[in-house]
C-alpha atoms as a PDB file:
ATOM      1  CA  MET A   1     -13.550 -17.199  14.091  1.00  0.00           C
ATOM      2  CA  ALA A   2     -12.803 -14.613  11.577  1.00  0.00           C
ATOM      3  CA  HIS A   3      -9.750 -12.822  11.563  1.00  0.00           C
ATOM      4  CA  ALA A   4      -9.708  -8.813  11.099  1.00  0.00           C
ATOM      5  CA  GLN A   5      -8.254  -7.813   8.303  1.00  0.00           C
ATOM      6  CA  THR A   6      -5.304  -5.269   9.136  1.00  0.00           C
ATOM      7  CA  HIS A   7      -4.322  -2.447   6.492  1.00  0.00           C
ATOM      8  CA  GLN A   8      -0.801  -1.926   6.437  1.00  0.00           C
ATOM      9  CA  ALA A   9       0.087   1.543   5.548  1.00  0.00           C
ATOM     10  CA  PRO A  10       2.939   1.396   2.521  1.00  0.00           C
ATOM     11  CA  ILE A  11       6.367   1.638   3.473  1.00  0.00           C
ATOM     12  CA  MET A  12       7.805   5.034   2.127  1.00  0.00           C
ATOM     13  CA  VAL A  13      10.923   6.063   1.053  1.00  0.00           C
ATOM     14  CA  ARG A  14      12.574   9.620   1.432  1.00  0.00           C
ATOM     15  CA  VAL A  15      12.640  11.579  -1.594  1.00  0.00           C
ATOM     16  CA  SER A  16      16.260  12.431  -0.876  1.00  0.00           C
ATOM     17  CA  GLN A  17      17.040   8.852  -0.709  1.00  0.00           C
ATOM     18  CA  ALA A  18      15.618   8.280  -4.196  1.00  0.00           C
ATOM     19  CA  LYS A  19      19.108   7.921  -6.047  1.00  0.00           C
ATOM     20  CA  ALA A  20      20.021   4.899  -3.719  1.00  0.00           C
ATOM     21  CA  ALA A  21      16.695   3.307  -3.824  1.00  0.00           C
ATOM     22  CA  PHE A  22      15.821   3.583  -7.448  1.00  0.00           C
ATOM     23  CA  GLY A  23      18.848   4.863  -9.267  1.00  0.00           C
ATOM     24  CA  VAL A  24      16.994   8.158 -10.382  1.00  0.00           C
ATOM     25  CA  HIS A  25      17.430  11.602  -9.137  1.00  0.00           C
ATOM     26  CA  ARG A  26      15.345  13.279  -6.760  1.00  0.00           C
ATOM     27  CA  ALA A  27      14.528  15.982  -9.396  1.00  0.00           C
ATOM     28  CA  THR A  28      13.292  13.299 -11.660  1.00  0.00           C
ATOM     29  CA  LEU A  29      10.807  12.205  -9.074  1.00  0.00           C
ATOM     30  CA  TYR A  30       9.448  15.607  -8.574  1.00  0.00           C
ATOM     31  CA  ARG A  31       9.086  15.676 -12.454  1.00  0.00           C
ATOM     32  CA  TRP A  32       7.513  12.614 -12.196  1.00  0.00           C
ATOM     33  CA  ALA A  33       5.065  14.005  -9.650  1.00  0.00           C
ATOM     34  CA  ALA A  34       4.355  16.950 -11.562  1.00  0.00           C
ATOM     35  CA  ASP A  35       3.421  14.813 -14.736  1.00  0.00           C
ATOM     36  CA  LYS A  36       0.616  12.902 -12.392  1.00  0.00           C
ATOM     37  CA  HIS A  37       2.873   9.609 -12.944  1.00  0.00           C
ATOM     38  CA  ILE A  38       3.478   9.128  -9.201  1.00  0.00           C
ATOM     39  CA  LYS A  39       2.680  11.043  -5.745  1.00  0.00           C
ATOM     40  CA  ILE A  40       4.873  12.589  -3.337  1.00  0.00           C
ATOM     41  CA  HIS A  41       3.426  12.562   0.330  1.00  0.00           C
ATOM     42  CA  LYS A  42       4.592  15.350   2.741  1.00  0.00           C
ATOM     43  CA  ARG A  43       4.835  14.623   6.416  1.00  0.00           C
ATOM     44  CA  GLY A  44       6.236  18.058   7.706  1.00  0.00           C
ATOM     45  CA  SER A  45       9.157  19.088   5.869  1.00  0.00           C
ATOM     46  CA  MET A  46       9.871  15.871   4.442  1.00  0.00           C
ATOM     47  CA  SER A  47       9.007  14.259   1.520  1.00  0.00           C
ATOM     48  CA  PHE A  48       8.019  10.623   0.634  1.00  0.00           C
ATOM     49  CA  VAL A  49       7.284   8.412  -2.362  1.00  0.00           C
ATOM     50  CA  ASP A  50       5.714   4.856  -2.449  1.00  0.00           C
ATOM     51  CA  PRO A  51       8.747   2.675  -3.724  1.00  0.00           C
ATOM     52  CA  ASN A  52       5.993   0.365  -5.380  1.00  0.00           C
ATOM     53  CA  GLU A  53       4.489   3.151  -7.313  1.00  0.00           C
ATOM     54  CA  VAL A  54       7.595   4.408  -8.381  1.00  0.00           C
ATOM     55  CA  ARG A  55       9.115   0.812  -9.471  1.00  0.00           C
ATOM     56  CA  ALA A  56       5.788   0.278 -11.215  1.00  0.00           C
ATOM     57  CA  PHE A  57       6.111   3.487 -13.058  1.00  0.00           C
ATOM     58  CA  ILE A  58       9.447   2.679 -14.002  1.00  0.00           C
ATOM     59  CA  MET A  59       8.538  -0.817 -15.310  1.00  0.00           C
ATOM     60  CA  GLY A  60       6.171   0.699 -17.413  1.00  0.00           C
ATOM     61  CA  GLU A  61       8.194   3.354 -18.990  1.00  0.00           C
ATOM     62  CA  GLN A  62      11.100   0.567 -19.725  1.00  0.00           C
ATOM     63  CA  LEU A  63       8.329  -1.578 -21.520  1.00  0.00           C
ATOM     64  CA  GLY A  64       7.125   1.285 -23.346  1.00  0.00           C
ATOM     65  CA  GLU A  65      10.192   2.010 -24.717  1.00  0.00           C
ATOM     66  CA  GLN A  66      11.004  -1.564 -25.811  1.00  0.00           C
ATOM     67  CA  ALA A  67       7.830  -1.588 -27.546  1.00  0.00           C
ATOM     68  CA  ALA A  68       8.609   1.709 -29.188  1.00  0.00           C
ATOM     69  CA  GLU A  69      12.134   0.410 -30.179  1.00  0.00           C
ATOM     70  CA  SER A  70      10.552  -3.179 -31.596  1.00  0.00           C
ATOM     71  CA  GLY A  71       7.852  -1.080 -33.832  1.00  0.00           C
ATOM     72  CA  ILE A  72       4.909  -2.574 -31.626  1.00  0.00           C
END
């Protein structure tokens, strides 16, 4: 018997809760979204981000800084 694959929507975090979730100011998330690094999802008057997307961007930024510091 084949199991149907279920697709779960990503868990979203309110932009207003970003400081606690990621240690970045909400204005930083909006700047990253304007620069097309992450996407902000609107639901009515509320704004959300995908924490996996934000985490991946932050990790990529940190790796890029480390490479620049080491001269790679």
